[in-house]
PDB file of N, CA and C in Angstrom:
ATOM      1  N   MET A   1       0.735  79.002  17.396  1.00  0.00           N
ATOM      2  CA  MET A   1      -0.552  79.525  17.811  1.00  0.00           C
ATOM      3  C   MET A   1      -0.751  80.947  17.296  1.00  0.00           C
ATOM      4  N   ALA A   2       0.323  81.765  17.347  1.00  0.00           N
ATOM      5  CA  ALA A   2       0.222  83.146  16.879  1.00  0.00           C
ATOM      6  C   ALA A   2      -0.076  83.179  15.376  1.00  0.00           C
ATOM      7  N   LEU A   3       0.536  82.281  14.626  1.00  0.00           N
ATOM      8  CA  LEU A   3       0.283  82.215  13.189  1.00  0.00           C
ATOM      9  C   LEU A   3      -1.163  81.825  12.925  1.00  0.00           C
ATOM     10  N   ALA A   4      -1.689  80.884  13.702  1.00  0.00           N
ATOM     11  CA  ALA A   4      -3.080  80.468  13.535  1.00  0.00           C
ATOM     12  C   ALA A   4      -4.023  81.629  13.825  1.00  0.00           C
ATOM     13  N   LEU A   5      -3.747  82.402  14.865  1.00  0.00           N
ATOM     14  CA  LEU A   5      -4.586  83.568  15.165  1.00  0.00           C
ATOM     15  C   LEU A   5      -4.524  84.595  14.052  1.00  0.00           C
ATOM     16  N   TRP A   6      -3.310  84.821  13.518  1.00  0.00           N
ATOM     17  CA  TRP A   6      -3.169  85.781  12.429  1.00  0.00           C
ATOM     18  C   TRP A   6      -3.952  85.333  11.204  1.00  0.00           C
ATOM     19  N   LEU A   7      -3.859  84.048  10.862  1.00  0.00           N
ATOM     20  CA  LEU A   7      -4.588  83.530   9.715  1.00  0.00           C
ATOM     21  C   LEU A   7      -6.091  83.645   9.907  1.00  0.00           C
ATOM     22  N   LEU A   8      -6.565  83.301  11.098  1.00  0.00           N
ATOM     23  CA  LEU A   8      -7.992  83.381  11.369  1.00  0.00           C
ATOM     24  C   LEU A   8      -8.485  84.813  11.353  1.00  0.00           C
ATOM     25  N   ALA A   9      -7.688  85.727  11.848  1.00  0.00           N
ATOM     26  CA  ALA A   9      -8.086  87.132  11.882  1.00  0.00           C
ATOM     27  C   ALA A   9      -8.201  87.712  10.486  1.00  0.00           C
ATOM     28  N   ASN A  10      -7.505  87.136   9.524  1.00  0.00           N
ATOM     29  CA  ASN A  10      -7.517  87.667   8.178  1.00  0.00           C
ATOM     30  C   ASN A  10      -8.517  86.988   7.249  1.00  0.00           C
ATOM     31  N   LEU A  11      -9.250  86.015   7.740  1.00  0.00           N
ATOM     32  CA  LEU A  11     -10.268  85.387   6.917  1.00  0.00           C
ATOM     33  C   LEU A  11     -11.525  86.238   6.908  1.00  0.00           C
ATOM     34  N   PHE A  12     -12.355  86.090   5.892  1.00  0.00           N
ATOM     35  CA  PHE A  12     -13.553  86.910   5.752  1.00  0.00           C
ATOM     36  C   PHE A  12     -14.636  86.542   6.751  1.00  0.00           C
ATOM     37  N   VAL A  13     -14.791  85.273   7.060  1.00  0.00           N
ATOM     38  CA  VAL A  13     -15.838  84.844   7.985  1.00  0.00           C
ATOM     39  C   VAL A  13     -15.535  85.433   9.347  1.00  0.00           C
ATOM     40  N   ALA A  14     -16.549  85.924  10.041  1.00  0.00           N
ATOM     41  CA  ALA A  14     -16.312  86.751  11.218  1.00  0.00           C
ATOM     42  C   ALA A  14     -16.164  85.984  12.519  1.00  0.00           C
ATOM     43  N   ILE A  15     -16.753  84.822  12.667  1.00  0.00           N
ATOM     44  CA  ILE A  15     -16.699  84.146  13.960  1.00  0.00           C
ATOM     45  C   ILE A  15     -16.116  82.753  13.779  1.00  0.00           C
ATOM     46  N   PHE A  16     -15.128  82.428  14.607  1.00  0.00           N
ATOM     47  CA  PHE A  16     -14.456  81.145  14.530  1.00  0.00           C
ATOM     48  C   PHE A  16     -14.356  80.523  15.907  1.00  0.00           C
ATOM     49  N   TRP A  17     -14.401  79.204  15.981  1.00  0.00           N
ATOM     50  CA  TRP A  17     -14.151  78.492  17.236  1.00  0.00           C
ATOM     51  C   TRP A  17     -12.728  77.979  17.171  1.00  0.00           C
ATOM     52  N   VAL A  18     -11.864  78.448  18.067  1.00  0.00           N
ATOM     53  CA  VAL A  18     -10.460  78.068  18.087  1.00  0.00           C
ATOM     54  C   VAL A  18     -10.126  77.610  19.496  1.00  0.00           C
ATOM     55  N   ASN A  19      -9.804  76.334  19.660  1.00  0.00           N
ATOM     56  CA  ASN A  19      -9.483  75.756  20.956  1.00  0.00           C
ATOM     57  C   ASN A  19     -10.556  76.104  21.981  1.00  0.00           C
ATOM     58  N   LEU A  20     -10.261  76.960  22.946  1.00  0.00           N
ATOM     59  CA  LEU A  20     -11.207  77.248  24.015  1.00  0.00           C
ATOM     60  C   LEU A  20     -11.762  78.662  23.966  1.00  0.00           C
ATOM     61  N   PHE A  21     -11.576  79.353  22.873  1.00  0.00           N
ATOM     62  CA  PHE A  21     -12.097  80.709  22.787  1.00  0.00           C
ATOM     63  C   PHE A  21     -12.608  81.003  21.393  1.00  0.00           C
ATOM     64  N   LEU A  22     -13.312  82.095  21.277  1.00  0.00           N
ATOM     65  CA  LEU A  22     -13.938  82.513  20.031  1.00  0.00           C
ATOM     66  C   LEU A  22     -13.240  83.763  19.520  1.00  0.00           C
ATOM     67  N   ILE A  23     -12.921  83.821  18.235  1.00  0.00           N
ATOM     68  CA  ILE A  23     -12.361  85.010  17.608  1.00  0.00           C
ATOM     69  C   ILE A  23     -13.496  85.695  16.857  1.00  0.00           C
ATOM     70  N   VAL A  24     -13.718  86.988  17.146  1.00  0.00           N
ATOM     71  CA  VAL A  24     -14.863  87.709  16.587  1.00  0.00           C
ATOM     72  C   VAL A  24     -14.384  88.992  15.929  1.00  0.00           C
ATOM     73  N   ASN A  25     -14.852  89.265  14.708  1.00  0.00           N
ATOM     74  CA  ASN A  25     -14.605  90.537  14.037  1.00  0.00           C
ATOM     75  C   ASN A  25     -15.747  91.483  14.373  1.00  0.00           C
ATOM     76  N   ILE A  26     -15.394  92.704  14.738  1.00  0.00           N
ATOM     77  CA  ILE A  26     -16.389  93.672  15.188  1.00  0.00           C
ATOM     78  C   ILE A  26     -16.157  95.005  14.507  1.00  0.00           C
ATOM     79  N   ARG A  27     -17.239  95.645  14.104  1.00  0.00           N
ATOM     80  CA  ARG A  27     -17.214  97.008  13.577  1.00  0.00           C
ATOM     81  C   ARG A  27     -17.660  97.926  14.710  1.00  0.00           C
ATOM     82  N   VAL A  28     -16.788  98.834  15.134  1.00  0.00           N
ATOM     83  CA  VAL A  28     -17.081  99.726  16.255  1.00  0.00           C
ATOM     84  C   VAL A  28     -17.470 101.099  15.721  1.00  0.00           C
ATOM     85  N   ILE A  29     -18.549 101.646  16.288  1.00  0.00           N
ATOM     86  CA  ILE A  29     -18.990 103.003  15.970  1.00  0.00           C
ATOM     87  C   ILE A  29     -18.795 103.836  17.244  1.00  0.00           C
ATOM     88  N   PRO A  30     -17.710 104.614  17.323  1.00  0.00           N
ATOM     89  CA  PRO A  30     -17.478 105.425  18.527  1.00  0.00           C
ATOM     90  C   PRO A  30     -18.323 106.700  18.506  1.00  0.00           C
ATOM     91  N   ASN A  31     -18.403 107.364  19.665  1.00  0.00           N
ATOM     92  CA  ASN A  31     -19.085 108.645  19.802  1.00  0.00           C
ATOM     93  C   ASN A  31     -20.569 108.569  19.427  1.00  0.00           C
ATOM     94  N   SER A  32     -21.219 107.458  19.770  1.00  0.00           N
ATOM     95  CA  SER A  32     -22.644 107.273  19.482  1.00  0.00           C
ATOM     96  C   SER A  32     -23.479 107.847  20.623  1.00  0.00           C
ATOM     97  N   LYS A  33     -24.725 108.153  20.331  1.00  0.00           N
ATOM     98  CA  LYS A  33     -25.628 108.666  21.355  1.00  0.00           C
ATOM     99  C   LYS A  33     -26.062 107.570  22.315  1.00  0.00           C
ATOM    100  N   LYS A  34     -26.143 106.327  21.813  1.00  0.00           N
ATOM    101  CA  LYS A  34     -26.531 105.218  22.678  1.00  0.00           C
ATOM    102  C   LYS A  34     -25.597 104.035  22.454  1.00  0.00           C
ATOM    103  N   VAL A  35     -25.538 103.166  23.449  1.00  0.00           N
ATOM    104  CA  VAL A  35     -24.705 101.964  23.392  1.00  0.00           C
ATOM    105  C   VAL A  35     -25.560 100.818  22.884  1.00  0.00           C
ATOM    106  N   SER A  36     -25.052 100.069  21.905  1.00  0.00           N
ATOM    107  CA  SER A  36     -25.802  98.917  21.392  1.00  0.00           C
ATOM    108  C   SER A  36     -24.854  97.889  20.794  1.00  0.00           C
ATOM    109  N   ILE A  37     -25.346  96.653  20.768  1.00  0.00           N
ATOM    110  CA  ILE A  37     -24.639  95.541  20.133  1.00  0.00           C
ATOM    111  C   ILE A  37     -25.635  94.879  19.200  1.00  0.00           C
ATOM    112  N   GLU A  38     -25.270  94.739  17.934  1.00  0.00           N
ATOM    113  CA  GLU A  38     -26.180  94.084  16.991  1.00  0.00           C
ATOM    114  C   GLU A  38     -25.407  93.205  16.023  1.00  0.00           C
ATOM    115  N   ARG A  39     -26.088  92.181  15.566  1.00  0.00           N
ATOM    116  CA  ARG A  39     -25.504  91.290  14.551  1.00  0.00           C
ATOM    117  C   ARG A  39     -25.768  91.876  13.181  1.00  0.00           C
ATOM    118  N   ILE A  40     -24.757  91.807  12.329  1.00  0.00           N
ATOM    119  CA  ILE A  40     -24.896  92.242  10.941  1.00  0.00           C
ATOM    120  C   ILE A  40     -24.631  91.021  10.085  1.00  0.00           C
ATOM    121  N   GLY A  41     -25.496  90.741   9.146  1.00  0.00           N
ATOM    122  CA  GLY A  41     -25.293  89.571   8.312  1.00  0.00           C
ATOM    123  C   GLY A  41     -25.361  88.303   9.141  1.00  0.00           C
ATOM    124  N   THR A  42     -24.570  87.315   8.760  1.00  0.00           N
ATOM    125  CA  THR A  42     -24.633  86.040   9.463  1.00  0.00           C
ATOM    126  C   THR A  42     -23.706  85.979  10.665  1.00  0.00           C
ATOM    127  N   ASN A  43     -22.505  86.508  10.552  1.00  0.00           N
ATOM    128  CA  ASN A  43     -21.516  86.324  11.622  1.00  0.00           C
ATOM    129  C   ASN A  43     -20.740  87.582  11.971  1.00  0.00           C
ATOM    130  N   SER A  44     -21.329  88.732  11.836  1.00  0.00           N
ATOM    131  CA  SER A  44     -20.637  89.981  12.142  1.00  0.00           C
ATOM    132  C   SER A  44     -21.369  90.724  13.239  1.00  0.00           C
ATOM    133  N   LEU A  45     -20.612  91.491  14.026  1.00  0.00           N
ATOM    134  CA  LEU A  45     -21.203  92.327  15.064  1.00  0.00           C
ATOM    135  C   LEU A  45     -20.886  93.786  14.800  1.00  0.00           C
ATOM    136  N   LYS A  46     -21.859  94.652  15.106  1.00  0.00           N
ATOM    137  CA  LYS A  46     -21.634  96.090  15.097  1.00  0.00           C
ATOM    138  C   LYS A  46     -21.919  96.575  16.506  1.00  0.00           C
ATOM    139  N   VAL A  47     -20.943  97.280  17.092  1.00  0.00           N
ATOM    140  CA  VAL A  47     -21.075  97.757  18.463  1.00  0.00           C
ATOM    141  C   VAL A  47     -20.939  99.275  18.469  1.00  0.00           C
ATOM    142  N   LYS A  48     -21.941  99.936  19.048  1.00  0.00           N
ATOM    143  CA  LYS A  48     -21.899 101.387  19.198  1.00  0.00           C
ATOM    144  C   LYS A  48     -21.521 101.698  20.639  1.00  0.00           C
ATOM    145  N   VAL A  49     -20.542 102.600  20.800  1.00  0.00           N
ATOM    146  CA  VAL A  49     -20.097 103.013  22.131  1.00  0.00           C
ATOM    147  C   VAL A  49     -20.152 104.535  22.224  1.00  0.00           C
ATOM    148  N   LYS A  50     -20.329 105.048  23.438  1.00  0.00           N
ATOM    149  CA  LYS A  50     -20.432 106.498  23.646  1.00  0.00           C
ATOM    150  C   LYS A  50     -19.079 107.197  23.649  1.00  0.00           C
ATOM    151  N   SER A  51     -18.029 106.491  24.010  1.00  0.00           N
ATOM    152  CA  SER A  51     -16.695 107.104  24.107  1.00  0.00           C
ATOM    153  C   SER A  51     -16.178 107.512  22.739  1.00  0.00           C
ATOM    154  N   LYS A  52     -15.364 108.567  22.746  1.00  0.00           N
ATOM    155  CA  LYS A  52     -14.700 108.993  21.523  1.00  0.00           C
ATOM    156  C   LYS A  52     -13.500 108.094  21.261  1.00  0.00           C
ATOM    157  N   ALA A  53     -13.093 108.031  20.017  1.00  0.00           N
ATOM    158  CA  ALA A  53     -11.947 107.188  19.622  1.00  0.00           C
ATOM    159  C   ALA A  53     -10.643 107.941  19.894  1.00  0.00           C
ATOM    160  N   MET A  54     -10.410 108.258  21.149  1.00  0.00           N
ATOM    161  CA  MET A  54      -9.202 108.983  21.534  1.00  0.00           C
ATOM    162  C   MET A  54      -8.537 108.262  22.699  1.00  0.00           C
ATOM    163  N   GLU A  55      -7.234 108.040  22.580  1.00  0.00           N
ATOM    164  CA  GLU A  55      -6.427 107.445  23.637  1.00  0.00           C
ATOM    165  C   GLU A  55      -6.977 106.121  24.157  1.00  0.00           C
ATOM    166  N   GLY A  56      -7.609 105.345  23.296  1.00  0.00           N
ATOM    167  CA  GLY A  56      -8.088 104.017  23.660  1.00  0.00           C
ATOM    168  C   GLY A  56      -9.374 103.993  24.470  1.00  0.00           C
ATOM    169  N   ALA A  57     -10.063 105.126  24.591  1.00  0.00           N
ATOM    170  CA  ALA A  57     -11.289 105.173  25.390  1.00  0.00           C
ATOM    171  C   ALA A  57     -12.385 104.296  24.795  1.00  0.00           C
ATOM    172  N   ALA A  58     -12.546 104.343  23.481  1.00  0.00           N
ATOM    173  CA  ALA A  58     -13.579 103.520  22.830  1.00  0.00           C
ATOM    174  C   ALA A  58     -13.224 102.033  22.929  1.00  0.00           C
ATOM    175  N   ASN A  59     -11.945 101.699  22.817  1.00  0.00           N
ATOM    176  CA  ASN A  59     -11.523 100.300  22.958  1.00  0.00           C
ATOM    177  C   ASN A  59     -11.812  99.786  24.363  1.00  0.00           C
ATOM    178  N   ALA A  60     -11.511 100.595  25.365  1.00  0.00           N
ATOM    179  CA  ALA A  60     -11.762 100.194  26.750  1.00  0.00           C
ATOM    180  C   ALA A  60     -13.250  99.999  26.999  1.00  0.00           C
ATOM    181  N   GLU A  61     -14.071 100.912  26.474  1.00  0.00           N
ATOM    182  CA  GLU A  61     -15.519 100.772  26.645  1.00  0.00           C
ATOM    183  C   GLU A  61     -16.034  99.537  25.918  1.00  0.00           C
ATOM    184  N   LEU A  62     -15.501  99.257  24.728  1.00  0.00           N
ATOM    185  CA  LEU A  62     -15.897  98.072  23.963  1.00  0.00           C
ATOM    186  C   LEU A  62     -15.610  96.796  24.749  1.00  0.00           C
ATOM    187  N   VAL A  63     -14.399  96.674  25.262  1.00  0.00           N
ATOM    188  CA  VAL A  63     -14.013  95.476  26.011  1.00  0.00           C
ATOM    189  C   VAL A  63     -14.857  95.342  27.283  1.00  0.00           C
ATOM    190  N   ASP A  64     -15.047  96.443  28.009  1.00  0.00           N
ATOM    191  CA  ASP A  64     -15.866  96.417  29.230  1.00  0.00           C
ATOM    192  C   ASP A  64     -17.308  96.051  28.927  1.00  0.00           C
ATOM    193  N   LEU A  65     -17.868  96.637  27.871  1.00  0.00           N
ATOM    194  CA  LEU A  65     -19.256  96.375  27.492  1.00  0.00           C
ATOM    195  C   LEU A  65     -19.473  94.902  27.163  1.00  0.00           C
ATOM    196  N   LEU A  66     -18.606  94.349  26.322  1.00  0.00           N
ATOM    197  CA  LEU A  66     -18.773  92.951  25.927  1.00  0.00           C
ATOM    198  C   LEU A  66     -18.512  91.985  27.085  1.00  0.00           C
ATOM    199  N   SER A  67     -17.521  92.269  27.909  1.00  0.00           N
ATOM    200  CA  SER A  67     -17.258  91.367  29.036  1.00  0.00           C
ATOM    201  C   SER A  67     -18.403  91.413  30.043  1.00  0.00           C
ATOM    202  N   GLU A  68     -19.008  92.588  30.238  1.00  0.00           N
ATOM    203  CA  GLU A  68     -20.153  92.692  31.144  1.00  0.00           C
ATOM    204  C   GLU A  68     -21.391  92.013  30.563  1.00  0.00           C
ATOM    205  N   LYS A  69     -21.651  92.246  29.290  1.00  0.00           N
ATOM    206  CA  LYS A  69     -22.831  91.683  28.629  1.00  0.00           C
ATOM    207  C   LYS A  69     -22.751  90.161  28.523  1.00  0.00           C
ATOM    208  N   LEU A  70     -21.564  89.643  28.180  1.00  0.00           N
ATOM    209  CA  LEU A  70     -21.402  88.210  27.964  1.00  0.00           C
ATOM    210  C   LEU A  70     -20.997  87.461  29.224  1.00  0.00           C
ATOM    211  N   GLY A  71     -20.433  88.162  30.185  1.00  0.00           N
ATOM    212  CA  GLY A  71     -19.983  87.518  31.409  1.00  0.00           C
ATOM    213  C   GLY A  71     -18.746  86.667  31.225  1.00  0.00           C
ATOM    214  N   VAL A  72     -17.917  87.001  30.244  1.00  0.00           N
ATOM    215  CA  VAL A  72     -16.672  86.271  29.974  1.00  0.00           C
ATOM    216  C   VAL A  72     -15.538  87.271  29.802  1.00  0.00           C
ATOM    217  N   SER A  73     -14.310  86.773  29.816  1.00  0.00           N
ATOM    218  CA  SER A  73     -13.185  87.677  29.576  1.00  0.00           C
ATOM    219  C   SER A  73     -13.069  87.968  28.083  1.00  0.00           C
ATOM    220  N   VAL A  74     -12.710  89.207  27.777  1.00  0.00           N
ATOM    221  CA  VAL A  74     -12.603  89.686  26.400  1.00  0.00           C
ATOM    222  C   VAL A  74     -11.240  90.342  26.238  1.00  0.00           C
ATOM    223  N   ALA A  75     -10.556  90.044  25.134  1.00  0.00           N
ATOM    224  CA  ALA A  75      -9.253  90.649  24.860  1.00  0.00           C
ATOM    225  C   ALA A  75      -9.220  91.166  23.431  1.00  0.00           C
ATOM    226  N   LEU A  76      -8.659  92.347  23.260  1.00  0.00           N
ATOM    227  CA  LEU A  76      -8.489  92.935  21.943  1.00  0.00           C
ATOM    228  C   LEU A  76      -7.254  92.318  21.302  1.00  0.00           C
ATOM    229  N   VAL A  77      -7.447  91.631  20.167  1.00  0.00           N
ATOM    230  CA  VAL A  77      -6.351  90.952  19.485  1.00  0.00           C
ATOM    231  C   VAL A  77      -5.738  91.854  18.420  1.00  0.00           C
ATOM    232  N   ARG A  78      -6.595  92.572  17.689  1.00  0.00           N
ATOM    233  CA  ARG A  78      -6.132  93.379  16.567  1.00  0.00           C
ATOM    234  C   ARG A  78      -7.075  94.545  16.344  1.00  0.00           C
ATOM    235  N   GLY A  79      -6.538  95.677  15.880  1.00  0.00           N
ATOM    236  CA  GLY A  79      -7.373  96.809  15.509  1.00  0.00           C
ATOM    237  C   GLY A  79      -7.406  97.920  16.540  1.00  0.00           C
ATOM    238  N   ARG A  80      -6.329  98.130  17.252  1.00  0.00           N
ATOM    239  CA  ARG A  80      -6.316  99.160  18.298  1.00  0.00           C
ATOM    240  C   ARG A  80      -6.592 100.557  17.750  1.00  0.00           C
ATOM    241  N   LYS A  81      -6.196 100.830  16.508  1.00  0.00           N
ATOM    242  CA  LYS A  81      -6.397 102.160  15.926  1.00  0.00           C
ATOM    243  C   LYS A  81      -7.333 102.122  14.724  1.00  0.00           C
ATOM    244  N   SER A  82      -8.166 101.110  14.660  1.00  0.00           N
ATOM    245  CA  SER A  82      -9.083 100.938  13.538  1.00  0.00           C
ATOM    246  C   SER A  82     -10.491 100.708  14.066  1.00  0.00           C
ATOM    247  N   ARG A  83     -11.485 100.980  13.252  1.00  0.00           N
ATOM    248  CA  ARG A  83     -12.861 100.680  13.643  1.00  0.00           C
ATOM    249  C   ARG A  83     -13.172  99.196  13.469  1.00  0.00           C
ATOM    250  N   GLU A  84     -12.367  98.521  12.677  1.00  0.00           N
ATOM    251  CA  GLU A  84     -12.509  97.080  12.490  1.00  0.00           C
ATOM    252  C   GLU A  84     -11.628  96.386  13.522  1.00  0.00           C
ATOM    253  N   LYS A  85     -12.234  95.655  14.447  1.00  0.00           N
ATOM    254  CA  LYS A  85     -11.511  95.026  15.555  1.00  0.00           C
ATOM    255  C   LYS A  85     -11.607  93.511  15.466  1.00  0.00           C
ATOM    256  N   VAL A  86     -10.626  92.850  16.036  1.00  0.00           N
ATOM    257  CA  VAL A  86     -10.654  91.407  16.228  1.00  0.00           C
ATOM    258  C   VAL A  86     -10.532  91.179  17.727  1.00  0.00           C
ATOM    259  N   LEU A  87     -11.525  90.498  18.307  1.00  0.00           N
ATOM    260  CA  LEU A  87     -11.547  90.247  19.742  1.00  0.00           C
ATOM    261  C   LEU A  87     -11.525  88.757  20.028  1.00  0.00           C
ATOM    262  N   GLN A  88     -10.950  88.403  21.159  1.00  0.00           N
ATOM    263  CA  GLN A  88     -10.948  87.027  21.646  1.00  0.00           C
ATOM    264  C   GLN A  88     -11.921  86.953  22.810  1.00  0.00           C
ATOM    265  N   LEU A  89     -12.931  86.092  22.683  1.00  0.00           N
ATOM    266  CA  LEU A  89     -13.934  85.902  23.728  1.00  0.00           C
ATOM    267  C   LEU A  89     -13.808  84.489  24.286  1.00  0.00           C
ATOM    268  N   ASN A  90     -13.851  84.352  25.588  1.00  0.00           N
ATOM    269  CA  ASN A  90     -13.790  83.027  26.207  1.00  0.00           C
ATOM    270  C   ASN A  90     -15.200  82.483  26.370  1.00  0.00           C
ATOM    271  N   CYS A  91     -15.841  82.168  25.246  1.00  0.00           N
ATOM    272  CA  CYS A  91     -17.185  81.587  25.245  1.00  0.00           C
ATOM    273  C   CYS A  91     -17.378  80.815  23.943  1.00  0.00           C
ATOM    274  N   THR A  92     -18.481  80.094  23.859  1.00  0.00           N
ATOM    275  CA  THR A  92     -18.807  79.373  22.634  1.00  0.00           C
ATOM    276  C   THR A  92     -19.692  80.250  21.761  1.00  0.00           C
ATOM    277  N   GLU A  93     -19.872  79.825  20.521  1.00  0.00           N
ATOM    278  CA  GLU A  93     -20.734  80.573  19.601  1.00  0.00           C
ATOM    279  C   GLU A  93     -22.182  80.571  20.092  1.00  0.00           C
ATOM    280  N   ASP A  94     -22.623  79.459  20.687  1.00  0.00           N
ATOM    281  CA  ASP A  94     -23.980  79.381  21.236  1.00  0.00           C
ATOM    282  C   ASP A  94     -24.168  80.347  22.401  1.00  0.00           C
ATOM    283  N   GLU A  95     -23.177  80.428  23.282  1.00  0.00           N
ATOM    284  CA  GLU A  95     -23.243  81.367  24.400  1.00  0.00           C
ATOM    285  C   GLU A  95     -23.296  82.804  23.904  1.00  0.00           C
ATOM    286  N   LEU A  96     -22.546  83.098  22.845  1.00  0.00           N
ATOM    287  CA  LEU A  96     -22.567  84.430  22.262  1.00  0.00           C
ATOM    288  C   LEU A  96     -23.945  84.748  21.704  1.00  0.00           C
ATOM    289  N   ALA A  97     -24.528  83.810  20.973  1.00  0.00           N
ATOM    290  CA  ALA A  97     -25.859  84.026  20.387  1.00  0.00           C
ATOM    291  C   ALA A  97     -26.916  84.220  21.480  1.00  0.00           C
ATOM    292  N   GLN A  98     -26.843  83.441  22.559  1.00  0.00           N
ATOM    293  CA  GLN A  98     -27.799  83.580  23.675  1.00  0.00           C
ATOM    294  C   GLN A  98     -27.663  84.936  24.345  1.00  0.00           C
ATOM    295  N   SER A  99     -26.463  85.399  24.538  1.00  0.00           N
ATOM    296  CA  SER A  99     -26.226  86.672  25.215  1.00  0.00           C
ATOM    297  C   SER A  99     -26.701  87.865  24.416  1.00  0.00           C
ATOM    298  N   LEU A 100     -26.717  87.734  23.088  1.00  0.00           N
ATOM    299  CA  LEU A 100     -27.101  88.853  22.233  1.00  0.00           C
ATOM    300  C   LEU A 100     -28.587  88.918  21.959  1.00  0.00           C
ATOM    301  N   LYS A 101     -29.370  87.959  22.475  1.00  0.00           N
ATOM    302  CA  LYS A 101     -30.818  87.971  22.240  1.00  0.00           C
ATOM    303  C   LYS A 101     -31.493  88.987  23.101  1.00  0.00           C
TER     304      LYS A 101
END
């Protein structure tokens, strides 16, 4: 399972359906004036957070923001020290699209 997650995280396409959860690639913009979530291209998300990228504050805000907005559990899989993140969401692609409208 870990190998499958690693392989999926390294593919170019941003959103995948794997068993019972969704793997999503996200571009995080820390220290923004406003909080926002937007789709870029076909399957990418850009998330702006107010927290600075220090001591995991932006990561914590990202996870809290998405779990509150989507109403599902969210886990950071990869990218703790990078602006490019890989997250695991316990929802379907349709639920994600509905939540972002």
